[in-house]
Amino acid sequence: MSGTLNKVMLIGHLGDDVKLKYFDGGNCVGNFPLATNESYTNRQTGEKVTHTEWHNIVVRNKAAEVCEKYLKKGDKIYVEGRIKTRQWQGEDGNNRYTTEIQVTDFTFLSNNPAPQSGAQSGNQSAQNDMKRPAPQPRQQETEDDDDLPF
């Protein structure tokens, strides 16, 4: 395979409310921490251990405004995106780094009242497909109903 892939899929809980920053021209960026948990049982002690990993989530423009409007600390969300590491120079002159998840798609998973207008996710058609009733299996025709000559 000659190509590369940078794709992240996370399901977690917001560690804080979405914080928006607006720029000239009307664009905005939203940031929030997302917690994912891993639980396992320690074989030697039998103790249940839970490890929490924190992710810096970044959403842009309309998606950021939707997230800020409908999400709050503790809500569960599914996000898809790519990992991006940024570098800058701190006030002390040292280089600083941060790794972020740049969101391309998301779905709210909490049971909060959410908009029905399609602003909930970039994947609204898939959600609508899940709400449709399953197609009924076709009934097989008997030989008497068959008009074919062969």
N, C-alpha and C. Protein backbone atom coordinates (compact mmCIF):
# COMPACT_ATOMS: atom_id res chain seq x y z
N MET A 1 0.85 -1.17 0.00
CA MET A 1 0.00 0.00 0.00
C MET A 1 0.90 1.24 0.00
N SER A 2 0.73 2.07 -0.97
CA SER A 2 1.60 3.24 -1.09
C SER A 2 1.06 4.46 -0.36
N GLY A 3 -0.25 4.50 -0.05
CA GLY A 3 -0.84 5.65 0.61
C GLY A 3 -0.69 5.58 2.11
N THR A 4 -1.10 6.63 2.77
CA THR A 4 -1.10 6.67 4.22
C THR A 4 -2.50 7.02 4.70
N LEU A 5 -2.73 6.81 5.98
CA LEU A 5 -4.04 7.08 6.56
C LEU A 5 -3.86 7.73 7.91
N ASN A 6 -4.57 8.80 8.15
CA ASN A 6 -4.58 9.48 9.44
C ASN A 6 -6.04 9.63 9.82
N LYS A 7 -6.59 8.65 10.53
CA LYS A 7 -8.00 8.66 10.89
C LYS A 7 -8.16 8.22 12.34
N VAL A 8 -8.99 8.96 13.06
CA VAL A 8 -9.25 8.68 14.47
C VAL A 8 -10.75 8.58 14.66
N MET A 9 -11.18 7.59 15.42
CA MET A 9 -12.59 7.45 15.81
C MET A 9 -12.62 7.29 17.32
N LEU A 10 -13.35 8.17 18.00
CA LEU A 10 -13.42 8.15 19.46
C LEU A 10 -14.85 8.25 19.93
N ILE A 11 -15.16 7.55 21.00
CA ILE A 11 -16.41 7.73 21.72
C ILE A 11 -16.02 8.04 23.15
N GLY A 12 -16.49 9.18 23.66
CA GLY A 12 -16.11 9.57 25.00
C GLY A 12 -17.05 10.62 25.55
N HIS A 13 -16.66 11.12 26.72
CA HIS A 13 -17.46 12.12 27.43
C HIS A 13 -16.69 13.44 27.48
N LEU A 14 -17.42 14.55 27.30
CA LEU A 14 -16.80 15.86 27.37
C LEU A 14 -16.30 16.13 28.78
N GLY A 15 -15.08 16.61 28.88
CA GLY A 15 -14.51 16.95 30.18
C GLY A 15 -14.82 18.38 30.58
N ASP A 16 -15.34 19.17 29.65
CA ASP A 16 -15.69 20.57 29.91
C ASP A 16 -16.62 21.02 28.79
N ASP A 17 -17.24 22.18 28.97
CA ASP A 17 -18.08 22.74 27.91
C ASP A 17 -17.21 23.14 26.73
N VAL A 18 -17.84 23.27 25.56
CA VAL A 18 -17.14 23.68 24.33
C VAL A 18 -16.80 25.16 24.45
N LYS A 19 -15.55 25.50 24.16
CA LYS A 19 -15.09 26.89 24.17
C LYS A 19 -14.88 27.35 22.73
N LEU A 20 -15.56 28.45 22.36
CA LEU A 20 -15.46 28.98 20.99
C LEU A 20 -14.55 30.19 20.94
N LYS A 21 -13.80 30.29 19.85
CA LYS A 21 -13.00 31.48 19.55
C LYS A 21 -13.38 31.93 18.16
N TYR A 22 -13.78 33.21 18.04
CA TYR A 22 -14.16 33.77 16.74
C TYR A 22 -13.01 34.56 16.16
N PHE A 23 -12.92 34.55 14.82
CA PHE A 23 -11.87 35.26 14.10
C PHE A 23 -12.51 36.25 13.14
N ASP A 24 -11.67 37.15 12.61
CA ASP A 24 -12.15 38.08 11.58
C ASP A 24 -12.66 37.26 10.40
N GLY A 25 -13.74 37.69 9.82
CA GLY A 25 -14.32 36.98 8.69
C GLY A 25 -15.42 36.03 9.11
N GLY A 26 -15.67 35.90 10.42
CA GLY A 26 -16.77 35.07 10.89
C GLY A 26 -16.43 33.62 11.17
N ASN A 27 -15.22 33.17 10.87
CA ASN A 27 -14.85 31.79 11.18
C ASN A 27 -14.64 31.62 12.68
N CYS A 28 -14.81 30.40 13.13
CA CYS A 28 -14.60 30.12 14.54
C CYS A 28 -14.02 28.72 14.74
N VAL A 29 -13.43 28.52 15.91
CA VAL A 29 -12.87 27.23 16.29
C VAL A 29 -13.40 26.90 17.68
N GLY A 30 -13.85 25.67 17.84
CA GLY A 30 -14.31 25.20 19.15
C GLY A 30 -13.36 24.14 19.68
N ASN A 31 -13.10 24.19 20.98
CA ASN A 31 -12.21 23.22 21.62
C ASN A 31 -12.91 22.63 22.84
N PHE A 32 -12.67 21.34 23.06
CA PHE A 32 -13.11 20.72 24.31
C PHE A 32 -12.30 19.46 24.55
N PRO A 33 -12.12 19.11 25.84
CA PRO A 33 -11.43 17.86 26.16
C PRO A 33 -12.41 16.69 26.11
N LEU A 34 -11.95 15.56 25.63
CA LEU A 34 -12.77 14.35 25.55
C LEU A 34 -12.06 13.24 26.31
N ALA A 35 -12.79 12.57 27.19
CA ALA A 35 -12.23 11.48 27.99
C ALA A 35 -12.69 10.14 27.44
N THR A 36 -11.74 9.25 27.21
CA THR A 36 -12.05 7.86 26.88
C THR A 36 -11.48 6.99 27.98
N ASN A 37 -12.17 5.90 28.30
CA ASN A 37 -11.76 5.04 29.41
C ASN A 37 -11.43 3.65 28.93
N GLU A 38 -10.47 3.06 29.60
CA GLU A 38 -10.10 1.66 29.38
C GLU A 38 -10.16 0.98 30.75
N SER A 39 -10.92 -0.09 30.84
CA SER A 39 -11.04 -0.82 32.10
C SER A 39 -10.54 -2.24 31.93
N TYR A 40 -9.85 -2.73 32.93
CA TYR A 40 -9.38 -4.11 32.92
C TYR A 40 -9.21 -4.57 34.37
N THR A 41 -9.07 -5.87 34.55
CA THR A 41 -8.85 -6.44 35.87
C THR A 41 -7.39 -6.84 36.00
N ASN A 42 -6.75 -6.35 37.05
CA ASN A 42 -5.37 -6.70 37.33
C ASN A 42 -5.33 -8.17 37.73
N ARG A 43 -4.57 -8.97 36.99
CA ARG A 43 -4.55 -10.42 37.23
C ARG A 43 -3.94 -10.78 38.58
N GLN A 44 -2.98 -10.01 39.05
CA GLN A 44 -2.32 -10.36 40.31
C GLN A 44 -3.16 -9.97 41.52
N THR A 45 -3.82 -8.82 41.46
CA THR A 45 -4.59 -8.36 42.63
C THR A 45 -6.09 -8.60 42.49
N GLY A 46 -6.56 -8.84 41.28
CA GLY A 46 -7.99 -9.00 41.05
C GLY A 46 -8.75 -7.69 41.08
N GLU A 47 -8.03 -6.59 41.19
CA GLU A 47 -8.62 -5.26 41.29
C GLU A 47 -8.99 -4.75 39.91
N LYS A 48 -10.16 -4.10 39.81
CA LYS A 48 -10.57 -3.49 38.55
C LYS A 48 -9.87 -2.15 38.41
N VAL A 49 -9.19 -1.94 37.28
CA VAL A 49 -8.42 -0.73 37.03
C VAL A 49 -9.05 0.00 35.85
N THR A 50 -9.24 1.31 36.01
CA THR A 50 -9.75 2.14 34.93
C THR A 50 -8.72 3.21 34.62
N HIS A 51 -8.37 3.29 33.35
CA HIS A 51 -7.41 4.31 32.89
C HIS A 51 -8.16 5.27 31.97
N THR A 52 -8.04 6.55 32.25
CA THR A 52 -8.69 7.58 31.43
C THR A 52 -7.65 8.27 30.56
N GLU A 53 -7.94 8.36 29.29
CA GLU A 53 -7.08 9.07 28.34
C GLU A 53 -7.82 10.33 27.91
N TRP A 54 -7.12 11.47 27.92
CA TRP A 54 -7.73 12.75 27.53
C TRP A 54 -7.26 13.15 26.14
N HIS A 55 -8.21 13.63 25.33
CA HIS A 55 -7.94 14.04 23.95
C HIS A 55 -8.38 15.50 23.78
N ASN A 56 -7.58 16.29 23.09
CA ASN A 56 -7.94 17.67 22.77
C ASN A 56 -8.69 17.66 21.44
N ILE A 57 -9.96 18.05 21.48
CA ILE A 57 -10.83 18.00 20.30
C ILE A 57 -10.98 19.41 19.73
N VAL A 58 -10.87 19.51 18.40
CA VAL A 58 -11.01 20.79 17.70
C VAL A 58 -12.07 20.64 16.62
N VAL A 59 -13.10 21.51 16.66
CA VAL A 59 -14.13 21.57 15.62
C VAL A 59 -14.15 22.98 15.06
N ARG A 60 -14.55 23.11 13.82
CA ARG A 60 -14.46 24.41 13.15
C ARG A 60 -15.82 24.89 12.63
N ASN A 61 -15.96 26.20 12.60
CA ASN A 61 -17.06 26.93 11.96
C ASN A 61 -18.43 26.45 12.41
N LYS A 62 -19.30 26.07 11.48
CA LYS A 62 -20.69 25.71 11.82
C LYS A 62 -20.73 24.52 12.78
N ALA A 63 -19.87 23.54 12.57
CA ALA A 63 -19.84 22.38 13.47
C ALA A 63 -19.49 22.81 14.89
N ALA A 64 -18.59 23.77 15.02
CA ALA A 64 -18.21 24.27 16.35
C ALA A 64 -19.40 24.96 17.02
N GLU A 65 -20.15 25.73 16.25
CA GLU A 65 -21.32 26.42 16.82
C GLU A 65 -22.39 25.42 17.25
N VAL A 66 -22.60 24.36 16.47
CA VAL A 66 -23.57 23.33 16.82
C VAL A 66 -23.14 22.62 18.10
N CYS A 67 -21.87 22.28 18.19
CA CYS A 67 -21.37 21.61 19.39
C CYS A 67 -21.52 22.50 20.62
N GLU A 68 -21.19 23.77 20.47
CA GLU A 68 -21.31 24.68 21.61
C GLU A 68 -22.76 24.82 22.06
N LYS A 69 -23.67 24.81 21.12
CA LYS A 69 -25.09 25.00 21.44
C LYS A 69 -25.69 23.78 22.13
N TYR A 70 -25.33 22.57 21.71
CA TYR A 70 -26.02 21.37 22.17
C TYR A 70 -25.23 20.47 23.10
N LEU A 71 -23.94 20.72 23.28
CA LEU A 71 -23.14 19.85 24.15
C LEU A 71 -22.79 20.56 25.44
N LYS A 72 -22.67 19.76 26.50
CA LYS A 72 -22.22 20.29 27.78
C LYS A 72 -21.33 19.25 28.44
N LYS A 73 -20.64 19.67 29.45
CA LYS A 73 -19.73 18.79 30.18
C LYS A 73 -20.45 17.50 30.58
N GLY A 74 -19.80 16.36 30.31
CA GLY A 74 -20.35 15.06 30.66
C GLY A 74 -21.10 14.37 29.54
N ASP A 75 -21.49 15.11 28.49
CA ASP A 75 -22.21 14.50 27.38
C ASP A 75 -21.32 13.51 26.63
N LYS A 76 -21.97 12.50 26.06
CA LYS A 76 -21.27 11.48 25.29
C LYS A 76 -21.36 11.83 23.81
N ILE A 77 -20.24 11.66 23.09
CA ILE A 77 -20.19 12.01 21.67
C ILE A 77 -19.25 11.04 20.94
N TYR A 78 -19.58 10.81 19.68
CA TYR A 78 -18.70 10.06 18.76
C TYR A 78 -18.08 11.09 17.84
N VAL A 79 -16.75 11.06 17.71
CA VAL A 79 -16.07 11.98 16.79
C VAL A 79 -15.17 11.19 15.85
N GLU A 80 -15.07 11.68 14.63
CA GLU A 80 -14.12 11.17 13.64
C GLU A 80 -13.26 12.34 13.21
N GLY A 81 -12.00 12.06 12.95
CA GLY A 81 -11.14 13.13 12.50
C GLY A 81 -9.74 12.63 12.26
N ARG A 82 -8.79 13.56 12.32
CA ARG A 82 -7.38 13.20 12.12
C ARG A 82 -6.54 13.81 13.23
N ILE A 83 -5.42 13.16 13.50
CA ILE A 83 -4.49 13.65 14.51
C ILE A 83 -3.62 14.73 13.89
N LYS A 84 -3.43 15.80 14.63
CA LYS A 84 -2.55 16.87 14.18
C LYS A 84 -1.75 17.37 15.39
N THR A 85 -0.45 17.48 15.20
CA THR A 85 0.41 18.02 16.25
C THR A 85 0.84 19.42 15.84
N ARG A 86 0.63 20.36 16.76
CA ARG A 86 1.04 21.75 16.51
C ARG A 86 2.24 22.08 17.38
N GLN A 87 3.07 22.98 16.89
CA GLN A 87 4.24 23.44 17.62
C GLN A 87 4.22 24.96 17.68
N TRP A 88 4.61 25.52 18.82
CA TRP A 88 4.76 26.95 18.95
C TRP A 88 5.83 27.23 19.99
N GLN A 89 6.25 28.48 20.04
CA GLN A 89 7.28 28.85 21.00
C GLN A 89 6.62 29.56 22.18
N GLY A 90 6.88 29.04 23.37
CA GLY A 90 6.32 29.61 24.59
C GLY A 90 6.98 30.92 24.96
N GLU A 91 6.41 31.59 25.96
CA GLU A 91 6.95 32.87 26.42
C GLU A 91 8.37 32.73 26.95
N ASP A 92 8.69 31.54 27.44
CA ASP A 92 10.04 31.31 27.97
C ASP A 92 11.05 30.96 26.86
N GLY A 93 10.59 30.92 25.61
CA GLY A 93 11.48 30.64 24.48
C GLY A 93 11.58 29.17 24.11
N ASN A 94 11.00 28.30 24.93
CA ASN A 94 11.03 26.86 24.65
C ASN A 94 9.93 26.48 23.67
N ASN A 95 10.22 25.46 22.85
CA ASN A 95 9.20 24.95 21.94
C ASN A 95 8.16 24.16 22.72
N ARG A 96 6.91 24.37 22.38
CA ARG A 96 5.78 23.67 23.00
C ARG A 96 5.06 22.88 21.91
N TYR A 97 4.46 21.77 22.30
CA TYR A 97 3.74 20.91 21.37
C TYR A 97 2.39 20.54 21.96
N THR A 98 1.41 20.37 21.10
CA THR A 98 0.14 19.82 21.52
C THR A 98 -0.38 18.93 20.39
N THR A 99 -1.02 17.85 20.78
CA THR A 99 -1.62 16.93 19.80
C THR A 99 -3.13 17.06 19.92
N GLU A 100 -3.78 17.26 18.79
CA GLU A 100 -5.22 17.50 18.75
C GLU A 100 -5.89 16.54 17.78
N ILE A 101 -7.18 16.37 17.97
CA ILE A 101 -8.03 15.64 17.02
C ILE A 101 -8.82 16.70 16.25
N GLN A 102 -8.53 16.84 14.95
CA GLN A 102 -9.26 17.76 14.08
C GLN A 102 -10.49 17.03 13.57
N VAL A 103 -11.66 17.40 14.04
CA VAL A 103 -12.91 16.67 13.79
C VAL A 103 -13.41 16.92 12.37
N THR A 104 -13.78 15.82 11.69
CA THR A 104 -14.41 15.91 10.37
C THR A 104 -15.87 15.49 10.42
N ASP A 105 -16.26 14.72 11.44
CA ASP A 105 -17.64 14.24 11.58
C ASP A 105 -17.89 13.93 13.04
N PHE A 106 -19.14 14.06 13.48
CA PHE A 106 -19.48 13.76 14.86
C PHE A 106 -20.94 13.36 14.96
N THR A 107 -21.26 12.65 16.03
CA THR A 107 -22.64 12.29 16.34
C THR A 107 -22.85 12.39 17.84
N PHE A 108 -23.89 13.09 18.26
CA PHE A 108 -24.20 13.18 19.67
C PHE A 108 -24.77 11.84 20.14
N LEU A 109 -24.31 11.35 21.27
CA LEU A 109 -24.78 10.06 21.78
C LEU A 109 -25.55 10.17 23.08
N SER A 110 -25.55 11.33 23.72
CA SER A 110 -26.31 11.52 24.95
C SER A 110 -27.79 11.62 24.62
N ASN A 111 -28.62 11.39 25.62
CA ASN A 111 -30.07 11.41 25.42
C ASN A 111 -30.66 12.81 25.57
N ASN A 112 -29.88 13.84 25.36
CA ASN A 112 -30.37 15.21 25.47
C ASN A 112 -31.27 15.53 24.29
N PRO A 113 -32.22 16.44 24.49
CA PRO A 113 -33.01 16.86 23.33
C PRO A 113 -32.07 17.51 22.32
N ALA A 114 -32.14 17.05 21.10
CA ALA A 114 -31.24 17.54 20.06
C ALA A 114 -32.04 18.08 18.90
N PRO A 115 -31.43 18.87 18.06
CA PRO A 115 -32.15 19.44 16.92
C PRO A 115 -32.56 18.36 15.94
N GLN A 116 -33.67 18.57 15.29
CA GLN A 116 -34.14 17.63 14.27
C GLN A 116 -33.82 18.14 12.88
N SER A 117 -33.09 19.25 12.79
CA SER A 117 -32.88 19.90 11.51
C SER A 117 -31.67 19.38 10.75
N GLY A 118 -31.00 18.36 11.27
CA GLY A 118 -29.83 17.84 10.58
C GLY A 118 -28.55 18.48 11.07
N ALA A 119 -28.63 19.40 12.01
CA ALA A 119 -27.43 20.04 12.53
C ALA A 119 -26.73 19.15 13.54
N GLN A 120 -27.36 18.05 13.89
CA GLN A 120 -26.79 17.17 14.91
C GLN A 120 -25.52 16.52 14.44
N SER A 121 -25.41 16.24 13.16
CA SER A 121 -24.25 15.50 12.68
C SER A 121 -24.07 15.72 11.20
N GLY A 122 -22.84 15.56 10.77
CA GLY A 122 -22.58 15.56 9.34
C GLY A 122 -23.01 14.25 8.73
N ASN A 123 -23.42 13.31 9.54
CA ASN A 123 -23.78 11.96 9.11
C ASN A 123 -25.27 11.74 9.32
N GLN A 124 -26.09 12.76 9.06
CA GLN A 124 -27.51 12.69 9.36
C GLN A 124 -28.23 11.64 8.52
N SER A 125 -27.85 11.44 7.27
CA SER A 125 -28.55 10.47 6.43
C SER A 125 -28.37 9.06 6.98
N ALA A 126 -27.21 8.76 7.54
CA ALA A 126 -27.00 7.44 8.13
C ALA A 126 -27.89 7.26 9.35
N GLN A 127 -28.07 8.33 10.13
CA GLN A 127 -28.94 8.25 11.29
C GLN A 127 -30.38 8.05 10.85
N ASN A 128 -30.80 8.72 9.77
CA ASN A 128 -32.15 8.55 9.27
C ASN A 128 -32.37 7.13 8.78
N ASP A 129 -31.36 6.53 8.16
CA ASP A 129 -31.46 5.15 7.70
C ASP A 129 -31.71 4.20 8.87
N MET A 130 -31.10 4.50 10.03
CA MET A 130 -31.28 3.63 11.18
C MET A 130 -32.69 3.72 11.73
N LYS A 131 -33.38 4.85 11.50
CA LYS A 131 -34.73 5.03 12.02
C LYS A 131 -35.79 4.41 11.12
N ARG A 132 -35.44 4.13 9.87
CA ARG A 132 -36.41 3.56 8.93
C ARG A 132 -36.72 2.12 9.30
N PRO A 133 -37.95 1.67 9.08
CA PRO A 133 -38.24 0.26 9.35
C PRO A 133 -37.48 -0.64 8.39
N ALA A 134 -37.13 -1.80 8.88
CA ALA A 134 -36.39 -2.75 8.05
C ALA A 134 -37.26 -3.19 6.89
N PRO A 135 -36.67 -3.37 5.72
CA PRO A 135 -37.47 -3.81 4.57
C PRO A 135 -38.02 -5.21 4.82
N GLN A 136 -39.23 -5.42 4.37
CA GLN A 136 -39.86 -6.72 4.52
C GLN A 136 -39.32 -7.68 3.47
N PRO A 137 -39.07 -8.92 3.85
CA PRO A 137 -38.56 -9.87 2.84
C PRO A 137 -39.61 -10.11 1.77
N ARG A 138 -39.14 -10.27 0.54
CA ARG A 138 -40.05 -10.53 -0.57
C ARG A 138 -40.63 -11.92 -0.44
N GLN A 139 -41.90 -12.02 -0.69
CA GLN A 139 -42.53 -13.33 -0.67
C GLN A 139 -42.24 -14.02 -1.99
N GLN A 140 -41.89 -15.27 -1.90
CA GLN A 140 -41.62 -16.00 -3.13
C GLN A 140 -42.93 -16.33 -3.82
N GLU A 141 -42.90 -16.17 -5.12
CA GLU A 141 -44.11 -16.45 -5.90
C GLU A 141 -44.21 -17.95 -6.14
N THR A 142 -45.41 -18.41 -6.17
CA THR A 142 -45.62 -19.83 -6.46
C THR A 142 -45.61 -20.02 -7.97
N GLU A 143 -45.54 -21.25 -8.41
CA GLU A 143 -45.50 -21.54 -9.85
C GLU A 143 -46.79 -21.09 -10.53
N ASP A 144 -47.91 -21.11 -9.82
CA ASP A 144 -49.18 -20.70 -10.42
C ASP A 144 -49.18 -19.21 -10.76
N ASP A 145 -48.45 -18.40 -9.97
CA ASP A 145 -48.42 -16.97 -10.20
C ASP A 145 -47.39 -16.57 -11.26
N ASP A 146 -46.59 -17.48 -11.67
CA ASP A 146 -45.50 -17.17 -12.58
C ASP A 146 -46.01 -17.19 -14.02
N ASP A 147 -45.86 -16.07 -14.73
CA ASP A 147 -46.30 -15.97 -16.11
C ASP A 147 -45.19 -16.26 -17.11
N LEU A 148 -44.01 -16.59 -16.62
CA LEU A 148 -42.90 -16.81 -17.54
C LEU A 148 -43.07 -18.16 -18.25
N PRO A 149 -42.74 -18.20 -19.57
CA PRO A 149 -42.95 -19.43 -20.34
C PRO A 149 -41.92 -20.52 -20.07
N PHE A 150 -40.91 -20.26 -19.30
CA PHE A 150 -39.92 -21.30 -19.07
C PHE A 150 -39.77 -21.62 -17.62
